[in-house]
Structures are given as structure tokens and as C-alpha cells.
Amino acid sequence: MNALILPAVDLVAIILLTFAIYLPRHRRTELVPAFLGVNVGVLAVSMALTSSAATIGLGLGLFGVLSIIRLRSSELSQREIAYYFASLALGLLGGIGVTSLPIGAGLMALVVLALAIGDHPLVSGRQAELRQQLVVLDHAVTDPDDLVARLQTLLGGEVVSTRTVRLDLVDDSTHVEVGWMPSASTRRTPAAATTTSVSTREAVAR
């Protein structure tokens, strides 16, 4: 029975992290099953390896492999990667076991508390509204000032950063990664979640 207490604490911790902290702040429901699935999956595998002498090595190897796979995804922001790592850490803490139940529960509480504080709106401030998008313009724009002006007109917000990914002078197009802050009117719309990567076509006639 005691062996099931720490996994139960892990489940409580991941539910709090996902439904009480992440979802109310970011509202990206598509990442909820990812966080829960990774946490429970790592928990199950690490518990199954508890009797093995190589438990810690295999657990850390699993942590590294899954991290590399998810870090290659362009859909995750740095903030969401932090939640992903937290989900992995909670699963490992609940599955591989630690010296005592209070230590394990305390470490899990520390992970949840770190995300709760680090991702709090009072800490992130206005940067929490920053959106990252891949925009495709139907013009080959070589002037940085002209590029920023076009993007601000298209997105209806303040452009914070730009990085030209591809400039095609033959097809007359520009692919640019842009970080921008929505205006008051844009913020009121039920827009997609912040920091999500999408493609947008400029609807301005030549």
C-alpha cells in the first residue's frame, strides 16, 4: 500500500499542474493529453523498472529520449517545454521512488510550485501575451522597416521581433517568424492560444 502513495501524489501533482495552473492561464487544450500521457507513461515505465539495478540509468535515458523528441517540435514554446519537463520529472519522481515519502512529495510540490510562480502573470507581465507565428507574405520584402510595417498592418498588433526564414525573389514571397503583441481589439477576439506556430497568407493586393 505504501508503494502506491507516491504515485498517487504524482497524479495529484500533475492534475494540479495541468488543470489548475497551465490550462486556466494558456487554454491550449491540445496539450492537456500530452502532459497527462507523458506523466502517466513515464510513471508506469519507471515503476516497472524499480526492481532493476539499472533503474536510474534507464529512467534518465527515457527522460533524455522523450525530451529530444519533443524539443524538435515547432509547436511548443519555451514556456510549454517547461511544463513538459515538469510532467516528465513528476512521473520519474513518482515511479523510481526516493528515500522517503516526505522527500518525494516535497520534491513534487517544489516542481509544481516552481511552475506556478515562474509562469505567474505577475512575473511574466505583458510578455505573457506575446505570440509567435510563422507568416508567409505574398511579396518578397527586403527592407526590414517595410517588413515590420506590413506585419503590423496584417496582424493588427505591435511587432516585437522578426526573423526572415526564406526570401523567394522568383515566387515573390517572404517567410518570416514574427513575435508580436496583440492590440486591445485583437486581444478581445477568441484568438488561438498565444505562442502557437501557424501560417498566414497576406490578403493585401499587389
N, C-alpha and C. Protein backbone atom coordinates (compact mmCIF):
# COMPACT_ATOMS: atom_id res chain seq x y z
N MET A 1 0.83 -1.21 0.00
CA MET A 1 0.00 0.00 0.00
C MET A 1 0.87 1.26 0.00
N ASN A 2 1.97 1.22 0.80
CA ASN A 2 2.84 2.39 0.87
C ASN A 2 3.48 2.68 -0.48
N ALA A 3 3.69 1.63 -1.28
CA ALA A 3 4.31 1.81 -2.58
C ALA A 3 3.43 2.59 -3.54
N LEU A 4 2.13 2.66 -3.26
CA LEU A 4 1.20 3.36 -4.14
C LEU A 4 0.96 4.80 -3.71
N ILE A 5 1.49 5.19 -2.56
CA ILE A 5 1.22 6.54 -2.08
C ILE A 5 1.92 7.58 -2.95
N LEU A 6 3.19 7.35 -3.27
CA LEU A 6 3.94 8.33 -4.07
C LEU A 6 3.37 8.46 -5.48
N PRO A 7 3.02 7.35 -6.18
CA PRO A 7 2.33 7.51 -7.48
C PRO A 7 1.03 8.29 -7.37
N ALA A 8 0.29 8.09 -6.26
CA ALA A 8 -0.94 8.85 -6.06
C ALA A 8 -0.65 10.34 -5.90
N VAL A 9 0.42 10.65 -5.17
CA VAL A 9 0.83 12.04 -5.03
C VAL A 9 1.21 12.63 -6.38
N ASP A 10 1.87 11.81 -7.22
CA ASP A 10 2.23 12.26 -8.57
C ASP A 10 0.99 12.60 -9.39
N LEU A 11 -0.04 11.77 -9.31
CA LEU A 11 -1.27 12.03 -10.06
C LEU A 11 -1.94 13.32 -9.59
N VAL A 12 -1.93 13.53 -8.29
CA VAL A 12 -2.50 14.77 -7.77
C VAL A 12 -1.69 15.97 -8.27
N ALA A 13 -0.36 15.83 -8.28
CA ALA A 13 0.51 16.92 -8.71
C ALA A 13 0.32 17.25 -10.18
N ILE A 14 0.22 16.23 -11.05
CA ILE A 14 0.08 16.51 -12.48
C ILE A 14 -1.31 17.08 -12.78
N ILE A 15 -2.33 16.66 -12.03
CA ILE A 15 -3.66 17.24 -12.21
C ILE A 15 -3.67 18.71 -11.83
N LEU A 16 -3.01 19.04 -10.72
CA LEU A 16 -2.92 20.44 -10.31
C LEU A 16 -2.13 21.25 -11.33
N LEU A 17 -1.00 20.69 -11.79
CA LEU A 17 -0.16 21.40 -12.75
C LEU A 17 -0.90 21.67 -14.05
N THR A 18 -1.66 20.68 -14.51
CA THR A 18 -2.33 20.79 -15.81
C THR A 18 -3.62 21.60 -15.75
N PHE A 19 -4.50 21.25 -14.79
CA PHE A 19 -5.84 21.83 -14.78
C PHE A 19 -5.97 23.07 -13.89
N ALA A 20 -5.08 23.22 -12.93
CA ALA A 20 -5.18 24.38 -12.03
C ALA A 20 -4.20 25.48 -12.40
N ILE A 21 -3.11 25.13 -13.09
CA ILE A 21 -2.09 26.14 -13.42
C ILE A 21 -2.02 26.39 -14.92
N TYR A 22 -1.73 25.33 -15.70
CA TYR A 22 -1.49 25.54 -17.14
C TYR A 22 -2.75 25.92 -17.90
N LEU A 23 -3.80 25.11 -17.79
CA LEU A 23 -4.99 25.31 -18.62
C LEU A 23 -5.68 26.65 -18.38
N PRO A 24 -5.88 27.08 -17.14
CA PRO A 24 -6.52 28.39 -16.95
C PRO A 24 -5.70 29.56 -17.49
N ARG A 25 -4.37 29.41 -17.54
CA ARG A 25 -3.52 30.50 -17.99
C ARG A 25 -3.31 30.53 -19.50
N HIS A 26 -3.29 29.37 -20.13
CA HIS A 26 -2.93 29.32 -21.56
C HIS A 26 -4.02 28.73 -22.45
N ARG A 27 -4.91 27.94 -21.92
CA ARG A 27 -6.09 27.45 -22.63
C ARG A 27 -5.75 26.68 -23.91
N ARG A 28 -4.63 25.98 -23.92
CA ARG A 28 -4.30 25.11 -25.05
C ARG A 28 -4.68 23.69 -24.67
N THR A 29 -5.92 23.34 -24.98
CA THR A 29 -6.43 22.04 -24.55
C THR A 29 -5.73 20.87 -25.25
N GLU A 30 -5.12 21.12 -26.43
CA GLU A 30 -4.48 20.02 -27.13
C GLU A 30 -3.24 19.50 -26.42
N LEU A 31 -2.68 20.31 -25.50
CA LEU A 31 -1.51 19.86 -24.76
C LEU A 31 -1.86 19.14 -23.46
N VAL A 32 -3.11 19.18 -23.06
CA VAL A 32 -3.52 18.51 -21.83
C VAL A 32 -3.28 17.00 -21.91
N PRO A 33 -3.75 16.30 -22.96
CA PRO A 33 -3.46 14.86 -23.03
C PRO A 33 -1.97 14.56 -23.16
N ALA A 34 -1.21 15.47 -23.76
CA ALA A 34 0.24 15.26 -23.87
C ALA A 34 0.89 15.26 -22.49
N PHE A 35 0.56 16.27 -21.67
CA PHE A 35 1.13 16.34 -20.33
C PHE A 35 0.71 15.14 -19.49
N LEU A 36 -0.58 14.80 -19.52
CA LEU A 36 -1.07 13.68 -18.73
C LEU A 36 -0.51 12.36 -19.23
N GLY A 37 -0.49 12.18 -20.55
CA GLY A 37 0.01 10.92 -21.11
C GLY A 37 1.48 10.70 -20.84
N VAL A 38 2.28 11.75 -20.99
CA VAL A 38 3.71 11.63 -20.72
C VAL A 38 3.95 11.32 -19.24
N ASN A 39 3.24 12.03 -18.37
CA ASN A 39 3.43 11.82 -16.94
C ASN A 39 3.08 10.40 -16.53
N VAL A 40 1.90 9.94 -16.91
CA VAL A 40 1.45 8.61 -16.52
C VAL A 40 2.30 7.53 -17.20
N GLY A 41 2.68 7.78 -18.45
CA GLY A 41 3.53 6.81 -19.15
C GLY A 41 4.89 6.65 -18.50
N VAL A 42 5.53 7.76 -18.17
CA VAL A 42 6.83 7.71 -17.50
C VAL A 42 6.69 7.09 -16.12
N LEU A 43 5.60 7.43 -15.42
CA LEU A 43 5.34 6.84 -14.11
C LEU A 43 5.24 5.32 -14.20
N ALA A 44 4.48 4.83 -15.17
CA ALA A 44 4.28 3.39 -15.30
C ALA A 44 5.58 2.67 -15.66
N VAL A 45 6.33 3.24 -16.62
CA VAL A 45 7.58 2.60 -17.04
C VAL A 45 8.60 2.59 -15.91
N SER A 46 8.74 3.73 -15.22
CA SER A 46 9.73 3.81 -14.16
C SER A 46 9.35 2.91 -12.98
N MET A 47 8.05 2.74 -12.70
CA MET A 47 7.63 1.81 -11.65
C MET A 47 7.94 0.37 -12.05
N ALA A 48 7.77 0.06 -13.33
CA ALA A 48 8.06 -1.29 -13.80
C ALA A 48 9.55 -1.60 -13.72
N LEU A 49 10.38 -0.57 -13.79
CA LEU A 49 11.84 -0.76 -13.76
C LEU A 49 12.41 -0.63 -12.34
N THR A 50 11.54 -0.47 -11.35
CA THR A 50 12.02 -0.22 -9.99
C THR A 50 12.91 -1.34 -9.48
N SER A 51 12.59 -2.58 -9.81
CA SER A 51 13.35 -3.72 -9.31
C SER A 51 14.65 -3.94 -10.05
N SER A 52 14.87 -3.21 -11.14
CA SER A 52 16.08 -3.38 -11.93
C SER A 52 17.23 -2.57 -11.34
N ALA A 53 18.45 -3.11 -11.43
CA ALA A 53 19.61 -2.39 -10.92
C ALA A 53 19.93 -1.18 -11.76
N ALA A 54 19.44 -1.17 -13.00
CA ALA A 54 19.73 -0.05 -13.91
C ALA A 54 18.58 0.93 -13.97
N THR A 55 17.75 0.97 -12.93
CA THR A 55 16.54 1.78 -12.95
C THR A 55 16.85 3.25 -13.20
N ILE A 56 17.79 3.82 -12.44
CA ILE A 56 18.09 5.24 -12.56
C ILE A 56 18.63 5.57 -13.94
N GLY A 57 19.55 4.74 -14.44
CA GLY A 57 20.12 4.99 -15.77
C GLY A 57 19.08 4.91 -16.86
N LEU A 58 18.21 3.91 -16.79
CA LEU A 58 17.16 3.78 -17.80
C LEU A 58 16.14 4.91 -17.69
N GLY A 59 15.85 5.32 -16.46
CA GLY A 59 14.91 6.42 -16.27
C GLY A 59 15.44 7.71 -16.86
N LEU A 60 16.70 8.03 -16.60
CA LEU A 60 17.30 9.23 -17.16
C LEU A 60 17.41 9.14 -18.68
N GLY A 61 17.68 7.92 -19.19
CA GLY A 61 17.72 7.73 -20.64
C GLY A 61 16.38 7.98 -21.27
N LEU A 62 15.31 7.49 -20.62
CA LEU A 62 13.94 7.74 -21.10
C LEU A 62 13.64 9.23 -21.09
N PHE A 63 14.03 9.89 -20.02
CA PHE A 63 13.85 11.34 -19.90
C PHE A 63 14.52 12.05 -21.08
N GLY A 64 15.77 11.67 -21.39
CA GLY A 64 16.51 12.32 -22.48
C GLY A 64 15.91 12.07 -23.84
N VAL A 65 15.52 10.82 -24.12
CA VAL A 65 14.95 10.48 -25.43
C VAL A 65 13.66 11.23 -25.67
N LEU A 66 12.75 11.20 -24.70
CA LEU A 66 11.48 11.90 -24.86
C LEU A 66 11.68 13.41 -24.99
N SER A 67 12.65 13.93 -24.26
CA SER A 67 12.92 15.37 -24.33
C SER A 67 13.41 15.77 -25.71
N ILE A 68 14.31 14.97 -26.28
CA ILE A 68 14.81 15.29 -27.62
C ILE A 68 13.69 15.25 -28.64
N ILE A 69 12.82 14.26 -28.55
CA ILE A 69 11.71 14.16 -29.50
C ILE A 69 10.82 15.39 -29.43
N ARG A 70 10.46 15.80 -28.22
CA ARG A 70 9.54 16.93 -28.08
C ARG A 70 10.21 18.26 -28.38
N LEU A 71 11.52 18.37 -28.11
CA LEU A 71 12.20 19.63 -28.39
C LEU A 71 12.30 19.89 -29.88
N ARG A 72 12.14 18.86 -30.71
CA ARG A 72 12.17 19.05 -32.15
C ARG A 72 10.84 19.59 -32.67
N SER A 73 9.84 19.65 -31.82
CA SER A 73 8.53 20.13 -32.26
C SER A 73 8.51 21.65 -32.30
N SER A 74 8.01 22.22 -33.41
CA SER A 74 7.90 23.67 -33.54
C SER A 74 6.64 24.20 -32.88
N GLU A 75 5.81 23.29 -32.33
CA GLU A 75 4.54 23.71 -31.75
C GLU A 75 4.68 24.16 -30.30
N LEU A 76 5.83 23.89 -29.67
CA LEU A 76 5.98 24.19 -28.26
C LEU A 76 6.81 25.44 -28.05
N SER A 77 6.32 26.31 -27.19
CA SER A 77 7.10 27.47 -26.78
C SER A 77 8.00 27.06 -25.62
N GLN A 78 8.92 27.95 -25.23
CA GLN A 78 9.79 27.65 -24.11
C GLN A 78 8.98 27.45 -22.83
N ARG A 79 7.90 28.17 -22.69
CA ARG A 79 7.04 28.02 -21.51
C ARG A 79 6.42 26.63 -21.48
N GLU A 80 5.95 26.16 -22.63
CA GLU A 80 5.32 24.85 -22.68
C GLU A 80 6.33 23.72 -22.54
N ILE A 81 7.56 23.95 -22.99
CA ILE A 81 8.63 22.98 -22.76
C ILE A 81 8.87 22.81 -21.27
N ALA A 82 8.79 23.91 -20.52
CA ALA A 82 8.97 23.84 -19.07
C ALA A 82 7.89 22.96 -18.44
N TYR A 83 6.64 23.11 -18.90
CA TYR A 83 5.57 22.26 -18.39
C TYR A 83 5.81 20.80 -18.79
N TYR A 84 6.32 20.60 -19.97
CA TYR A 84 6.59 19.24 -20.44
C TYR A 84 7.66 18.57 -19.58
N PHE A 85 8.75 19.31 -19.29
CA PHE A 85 9.79 18.77 -18.42
C PHE A 85 9.25 18.50 -17.02
N ALA A 86 8.38 19.37 -16.54
CA ALA A 86 7.79 19.17 -15.21
C ALA A 86 6.96 17.89 -15.18
N SER A 87 6.21 17.63 -16.26
CA SER A 87 5.43 16.40 -16.33
C SER A 87 6.33 15.16 -16.28
N LEU A 88 7.45 15.22 -17.02
CA LEU A 88 8.41 14.13 -17.00
C LEU A 88 9.01 13.94 -15.61
N ALA A 89 9.40 15.05 -15.00
CA ALA A 89 10.04 14.99 -13.68
C ALA A 89 9.09 14.41 -12.64
N LEU A 90 7.84 14.83 -12.66
CA LEU A 90 6.87 14.30 -11.71
C LEU A 90 6.67 12.80 -11.88
N GLY A 91 6.61 12.36 -13.14
CA GLY A 91 6.46 10.93 -13.39
C GLY A 91 7.63 10.12 -12.89
N LEU A 92 8.85 10.64 -13.10
CA LEU A 92 10.04 9.93 -12.62
C LEU A 92 10.09 9.90 -11.10
N LEU A 93 9.77 11.03 -10.48
CA LEU A 93 9.78 11.08 -9.02
C LEU A 93 8.77 10.11 -8.41
N GLY A 94 7.63 9.97 -9.06
CA GLY A 94 6.61 9.06 -8.55
C GLY A 94 6.90 7.61 -8.83
N GLY A 95 7.68 7.32 -9.88
CA GLY A 95 7.90 5.94 -10.27
C GLY A 95 9.16 5.29 -9.76
N ILE A 96 10.29 6.03 -9.76
CA ILE A 96 11.55 5.40 -9.38
C ILE A 96 11.71 5.32 -7.87
N GLY A 97 10.90 6.11 -7.12
CA GLY A 97 10.98 6.07 -5.67
C GLY A 97 12.15 6.89 -5.15
N VAL A 98 12.02 7.40 -3.97
CA VAL A 98 13.08 8.17 -3.31
C VAL A 98 13.27 7.62 -1.90
N THR A 99 14.14 8.25 -1.13
CA THR A 99 14.47 7.71 0.18
C THR A 99 13.28 7.67 1.13
N SER A 100 12.36 8.60 1.02
CA SER A 100 11.20 8.61 1.90
C SER A 100 10.04 9.32 1.22
N LEU A 101 8.84 9.03 1.71
CA LEU A 101 7.65 9.66 1.15
C LEU A 101 7.65 11.17 1.32
N PRO A 102 8.01 11.72 2.48
CA PRO A 102 8.03 13.18 2.60
C PRO A 102 8.98 13.86 1.62
N ILE A 103 10.13 13.24 1.37
CA ILE A 103 11.08 13.83 0.43
C ILE A 103 10.50 13.82 -0.99
N GLY A 104 9.93 12.67 -1.38
CA GLY A 104 9.34 12.58 -2.72
C GLY A 104 8.20 13.56 -2.91
N ALA A 105 7.30 13.62 -1.95
CA ALA A 105 6.18 14.55 -2.04
C ALA A 105 6.66 15.99 -2.03
N GLY A 106 7.69 16.27 -1.23
CA GLY A 106 8.24 17.62 -1.19
C GLY A 106 8.87 18.04 -2.51
N LEU A 107 9.58 17.11 -3.17
CA LEU A 107 10.18 17.41 -4.47
C LEU A 107 9.11 17.67 -5.53
N MET A 108 8.04 16.88 -5.49
CA MET A 108 6.95 17.10 -6.44
C MET A 108 6.28 18.46 -6.21
N ALA A 109 6.07 18.77 -4.93
CA ALA A 109 5.47 20.07 -4.61
C ALA A 109 6.39 21.21 -5.07
N LEU A 110 7.70 21.00 -4.98
CA LEU A 110 8.66 22.01 -5.43
C LEU A 110 8.57 22.23 -6.93
N VAL A 111 8.41 21.16 -7.69
CA VAL A 111 8.28 21.28 -9.15
C VAL A 111 7.02 22.06 -9.51
N VAL A 112 5.90 21.70 -8.89
CA VAL A 112 4.63 22.39 -9.17
C VAL A 112 4.72 23.85 -8.75
N LEU A 113 5.31 24.11 -7.59
CA LEU A 113 5.44 25.48 -7.10
C LEU A 113 6.32 26.32 -8.02
N ALA A 114 7.39 25.72 -8.55
CA ALA A 114 8.28 26.46 -9.46
C ALA A 114 7.54 26.93 -10.70
N LEU A 115 6.69 26.06 -11.27
CA LEU A 115 5.91 26.46 -12.45
C LEU A 115 4.84 27.46 -12.08
N ALA A 116 4.21 27.28 -10.92
CA ALA A 116 3.15 28.19 -10.50
C ALA A 116 3.69 29.61 -10.33
N ILE A 117 4.89 29.72 -9.80
CA ILE A 117 5.49 31.05 -9.59
C ILE A 117 6.13 31.58 -10.87
N GLY A 118 6.91 30.74 -11.54
CA GLY A 118 7.63 31.19 -12.73
C GLY A 118 6.73 31.60 -13.88
N ASP A 119 5.55 30.99 -13.96
CA ASP A 119 4.62 31.29 -15.06
C ASP A 119 3.47 32.17 -14.59
N HIS A 120 3.59 32.75 -13.42
CA HIS A 120 2.52 33.62 -12.92
C HIS A 120 2.47 34.91 -13.72
N PRO A 121 1.28 35.44 -14.02
CA PRO A 121 1.17 36.70 -14.79
C PRO A 121 1.92 37.86 -14.15
N LEU A 122 2.05 37.88 -12.84
CA LEU A 122 2.79 38.96 -12.18
C LEU A 122 4.28 38.89 -12.49
N VAL A 123 4.77 37.69 -12.82
CA VAL A 123 6.18 37.52 -13.16
C VAL A 123 6.41 37.77 -14.64
N SER A 124 5.59 37.13 -15.48
CA SER A 124 5.76 37.27 -16.94
C SER A 124 5.28 38.60 -17.46
N GLY A 125 4.30 39.22 -16.76
CA GLY A 125 3.82 40.53 -17.17
C GLY A 125 3.22 40.51 -18.56
N ARG A 126 3.46 41.56 -19.29
CA ARG A 126 2.87 41.71 -20.63
C ARG A 126 3.43 40.70 -21.62
N GLN A 127 4.63 40.16 -21.32
CA GLN A 127 5.22 39.19 -22.23
C GLN A 127 4.40 37.92 -22.33
N ALA A 128 3.48 37.70 -21.36
CA ALA A 128 2.62 36.52 -21.44
C ALA A 128 1.70 36.58 -22.65
N GLU A 129 1.49 37.79 -23.19
CA GLU A 129 0.62 37.96 -24.36
C GLU A 129 1.37 37.83 -25.67
N LEU A 130 2.69 37.65 -25.59
CA LEU A 130 3.50 37.57 -26.80
C LEU A 130 3.11 36.35 -27.63
N ARG A 131 2.88 36.57 -28.92
CA ARG A 131 2.53 35.48 -29.82
C ARG A 131 3.65 35.28 -30.83
N GLN A 132 3.95 34.02 -31.11
CA GLN A 132 4.96 33.66 -32.10
C GLN A 132 4.27 32.99 -33.27
N GLN A 133 4.50 33.53 -34.49
CA GLN A 133 3.85 32.95 -35.66
C GLN A 133 4.81 32.93 -36.85
N LEU A 134 4.60 31.95 -37.71
CA LEU A 134 5.28 31.89 -38.99
C LEU A 134 4.34 32.48 -40.03
N VAL A 135 4.72 33.63 -40.59
CA VAL A 135 3.87 34.35 -41.53
C VAL A 135 4.46 34.25 -42.94
N VAL A 136 3.61 33.97 -43.91
CA VAL A 136 4.01 33.90 -45.31
C VAL A 136 3.40 35.09 -46.04
N LEU A 137 4.24 36.01 -46.50
CA LEU A 137 3.78 37.18 -47.24
C LEU A 137 3.89 36.91 -48.74
N ASP A 138 2.92 37.41 -49.50
CA ASP A 138 2.97 37.20 -50.95
C ASP A 138 3.74 38.32 -51.64
N HIS A 139 4.78 38.81 -50.97
CA HIS A 139 5.72 39.78 -51.53
C HIS A 139 7.12 39.41 -51.06
N ALA A 140 8.11 39.63 -51.89
CA ALA A 140 9.50 39.48 -51.47
C ALA A 140 9.93 40.80 -50.86
N VAL A 141 9.96 40.88 -49.55
CA VAL A 141 10.24 42.12 -48.84
C VAL A 141 11.67 42.08 -48.32
N THR A 142 12.51 42.97 -48.84
CA THR A 142 13.91 43.01 -48.42
C THR A 142 14.20 44.12 -47.42
N ASP A 143 13.34 45.11 -47.33
CA ASP A 143 13.54 46.23 -46.40
C ASP A 143 12.97 45.86 -45.03
N PRO A 144 13.80 45.82 -43.98
CA PRO A 144 13.31 45.44 -42.64
C PRO A 144 12.19 46.34 -42.13
N ASP A 145 12.30 47.65 -42.37
CA ASP A 145 11.26 48.57 -41.91
C ASP A 145 9.94 48.32 -42.64
N ASP A 146 10.03 48.06 -43.94
CA ASP A 146 8.83 47.76 -44.72
C ASP A 146 8.21 46.45 -44.24
N LEU A 147 9.06 45.49 -43.90
CA LEU A 147 8.58 44.20 -43.43
C LEU A 147 7.80 44.36 -42.12
N VAL A 148 8.35 45.13 -41.18
CA VAL A 148 7.69 45.36 -39.91
C VAL A 148 6.35 46.07 -40.11
N ALA A 149 6.33 47.07 -41.00
CA ALA A 149 5.10 47.81 -41.26
C ALA A 149 4.03 46.90 -41.85
N ARG A 150 4.41 46.04 -42.78
CA ARG A 150 3.44 45.12 -43.38
C ARG A 150 2.88 44.15 -42.33
N LEU A 151 3.78 43.64 -41.49
CA LEU A 151 3.35 42.68 -40.48
C LEU A 151 2.42 43.32 -39.46
N GLN A 152 2.72 44.54 -39.05
CA GLN A 152 1.86 45.22 -38.09
C GLN A 152 0.48 45.49 -38.66
N THR A 153 0.42 45.83 -39.95
CA THR A 153 -0.86 46.05 -40.60
C THR A 153 -1.64 44.74 -40.72
N LEU A 154 -0.92 43.67 -41.06
CA LEU A 154 -1.57 42.37 -41.25
C LEU A 154 -2.06 41.77 -39.94
N LEU A 155 -1.23 41.84 -38.89
CA LEU A 155 -1.56 41.19 -37.62
C LEU A 155 -2.37 42.07 -36.70
N GLY A 156 -2.32 43.37 -36.91
CA GLY A 156 -3.08 44.27 -36.05
C GLY A 156 -2.52 44.38 -34.66
N GLY A 157 -1.20 44.39 -34.55
CA GLY A 157 -0.56 44.49 -33.24
C GLY A 157 0.85 45.05 -33.38
N GLU A 158 1.58 45.06 -32.26
CA GLU A 158 2.93 45.59 -32.25
C GLU A 158 3.93 44.46 -32.50
N VAL A 159 4.74 44.59 -33.55
CA VAL A 159 5.74 43.60 -33.87
C VAL A 159 6.96 43.80 -32.98
N VAL A 160 7.33 42.74 -32.24
CA VAL A 160 8.44 42.82 -31.30
C VAL A 160 9.73 42.31 -31.93
N SER A 161 9.64 41.23 -32.70
CA SER A 161 10.83 40.64 -33.32
C SER A 161 10.46 39.98 -34.63
N THR A 162 11.41 39.95 -35.55
CA THR A 162 11.23 39.27 -36.83
C THR A 162 12.48 38.50 -37.19
N ARG A 163 12.31 37.39 -37.88
CA ARG A 163 13.44 36.62 -38.42
C ARG A 163 13.01 36.03 -39.76
N THR A 164 13.65 36.49 -40.83
CA THR A 164 13.31 36.02 -42.16
C THR A 164 13.82 34.60 -42.35
N VAL A 165 12.90 33.67 -42.58
CA VAL A 165 13.25 32.27 -42.76
C VAL A 165 13.59 31.99 -44.22
N ARG A 166 12.82 32.60 -45.13
CA ARG A 166 13.03 32.36 -46.56
C ARG A 166 12.60 33.58 -47.33
N LEU A 167 13.44 34.03 -48.24
CA LEU A 167 13.13 35.16 -49.11
C LEU A 167 13.23 34.66 -50.55
N ASP A 168 12.08 34.53 -51.21
CA ASP A 168 12.00 33.96 -52.55
C ASP A 168 11.71 35.08 -53.54
N LEU A 169 12.74 35.48 -54.28
CA LEU A 169 12.59 36.53 -55.26
C LEU A 169 11.96 36.04 -56.56
N VAL A 170 11.97 34.74 -56.79
CA VAL A 170 11.38 34.18 -58.00
C VAL A 170 9.85 34.08 -57.85
N ASP A 171 9.41 33.47 -56.75
CA ASP A 171 7.97 33.34 -56.50
C ASP A 171 7.39 34.55 -55.80
N ASP A 172 8.25 35.53 -55.47
CA ASP A 172 7.82 36.77 -54.83
C ASP A 172 7.08 36.48 -53.51
N SER A 173 7.83 35.90 -52.56
CA SER A 173 7.23 35.59 -51.26
C SER A 173 8.29 35.70 -50.17
N THR A 174 7.81 35.91 -48.95
CA THR A 174 8.69 36.01 -47.79
C THR A 174 8.11 35.18 -46.65
N HIS A 175 8.93 34.30 -46.09
CA HIS A 175 8.56 33.52 -44.92
C HIS A 175 9.30 34.12 -43.72
N VAL A 176 8.56 34.54 -42.73
CA VAL A 176 9.18 35.23 -41.60
C VAL A 176 8.56 34.77 -40.29
N GLU A 177 9.41 34.51 -39.30
CA GLU A 177 8.96 34.23 -37.95
C GLU A 177 8.83 35.55 -37.21
N VAL A 178 7.66 35.81 -36.66
CA VAL A 178 7.40 37.11 -36.04
C VAL A 178 6.88 36.93 -34.62
N GLY A 179 7.40 37.73 -33.72
CA GLY A 179 6.86 37.82 -32.37
C GLY A 179 6.12 39.13 -32.25
N TRP A 180 4.87 39.08 -31.81
CA TRP A 180 4.07 40.31 -31.78
C TRP A 180 3.13 40.31 -30.59
N MET A 181 2.77 41.53 -30.19
CA MET A 181 1.85 41.73 -29.07
C MET A 181 0.52 42.20 -29.64
N PRO A 182 -0.57 41.54 -29.29
CA PRO A 182 -1.88 41.93 -29.83
C PRO A 182 -2.34 43.28 -29.28
N SER A 183 -3.06 44.01 -30.11
CA SER A 183 -3.66 45.25 -29.66
C SER A 183 -4.89 44.94 -28.81
N ALA A 184 -5.51 45.97 -28.24
CA ALA A 184 -6.67 45.77 -27.39
C ALA A 184 -7.81 45.11 -28.15
N SER A 185 -8.03 45.53 -29.41
CA SER A 185 -9.12 44.95 -30.19
C SER A 185 -8.83 43.51 -30.56
N THR A 186 -7.55 43.21 -30.88
CA THR A 186 -7.18 41.84 -31.21
C THR A 186 -7.29 40.95 -30.00
N ARG A 187 -6.95 41.49 -28.82
CA ARG A 187 -6.97 40.71 -27.59
C ARG A 187 -8.37 40.27 -27.21
N ARG A 188 -9.37 41.06 -27.63
CA ARG A 188 -10.75 40.73 -27.26
C ARG A 188 -11.32 39.59 -28.09
N THR A 189 -10.70 39.30 -29.23
CA THR A 189 -11.20 38.23 -30.07
C THR A 189 -10.77 36.89 -29.49
N PRO A 190 -11.57 35.81 -29.71
CA PRO A 190 -11.19 34.50 -29.20
C PRO A 190 -10.11 33.88 -30.06
N ALA A 191 -8.95 34.52 -30.11
CA ALA A 191 -7.88 34.08 -30.98
C ALA A 191 -7.29 32.77 -30.47
N ALA A 192 -6.49 32.14 -31.34
CA ALA A 192 -5.83 30.91 -30.94
C ALA A 192 -4.86 31.21 -29.81
N ALA A 193 -4.42 30.17 -29.15
CA ALA A 193 -3.58 30.36 -27.98
C ALA A 193 -2.31 31.09 -28.35
N THR A 194 -1.73 31.79 -27.40
CA THR A 194 -0.50 32.52 -27.64
C THR A 194 0.63 31.56 -27.91
N THR A 195 1.66 32.08 -28.58
CA THR A 195 2.89 31.35 -28.87
C THR A 195 2.63 30.06 -29.65
N THR A 196 1.63 30.04 -30.49
CA THR A 196 1.43 28.89 -31.34
C THR A 196 1.93 29.20 -32.74
N SER A 197 2.47 28.22 -33.44
CA SER A 197 3.07 28.44 -34.74
C SER A 197 2.08 28.08 -35.83
N VAL A 198 1.71 29.08 -36.66
CA VAL A 198 0.78 28.85 -37.76
C VAL A 198 1.29 29.57 -38.99
N SER A 199 0.63 29.36 -40.12
CA SER A 199 0.97 30.04 -41.35
C SER A 199 -0.18 30.95 -41.75
N THR A 200 0.15 32.16 -42.21
CA THR A 200 -0.87 33.14 -42.58
C THR A 200 -0.53 33.71 -43.94
N ARG A 201 -1.53 33.87 -44.80
CA ARG A 201 -1.34 34.47 -46.13
C ARG A 201 -1.76 35.92 -46.06
N GLU A 202 -0.92 36.81 -46.62
CA GLU A 202 -1.27 38.22 -46.65
C GLU A 202 -2.32 38.44 -47.69
N ALA A 203 -3.39 39.13 -47.31
CA ALA A 203 -4.52 39.35 -48.21
C ALA A 203 -4.48 40.71 -48.86
N VAL A 204 -3.31 41.36 -48.91
CA VAL A 204 -3.19 42.68 -49.50
C VAL A 204 -2.90 42.54 -50.98
N ALA A 205 -3.65 43.21 -51.79
CA ALA A 205 -3.45 43.15 -53.23
C ALA A 205 -2.17 43.86 -53.61
N ARG A 206 -1.53 43.36 -54.63
CA ARG A 206 -0.29 43.98 -55.09
C ARG A 206 -0.60 45.33 -55.73
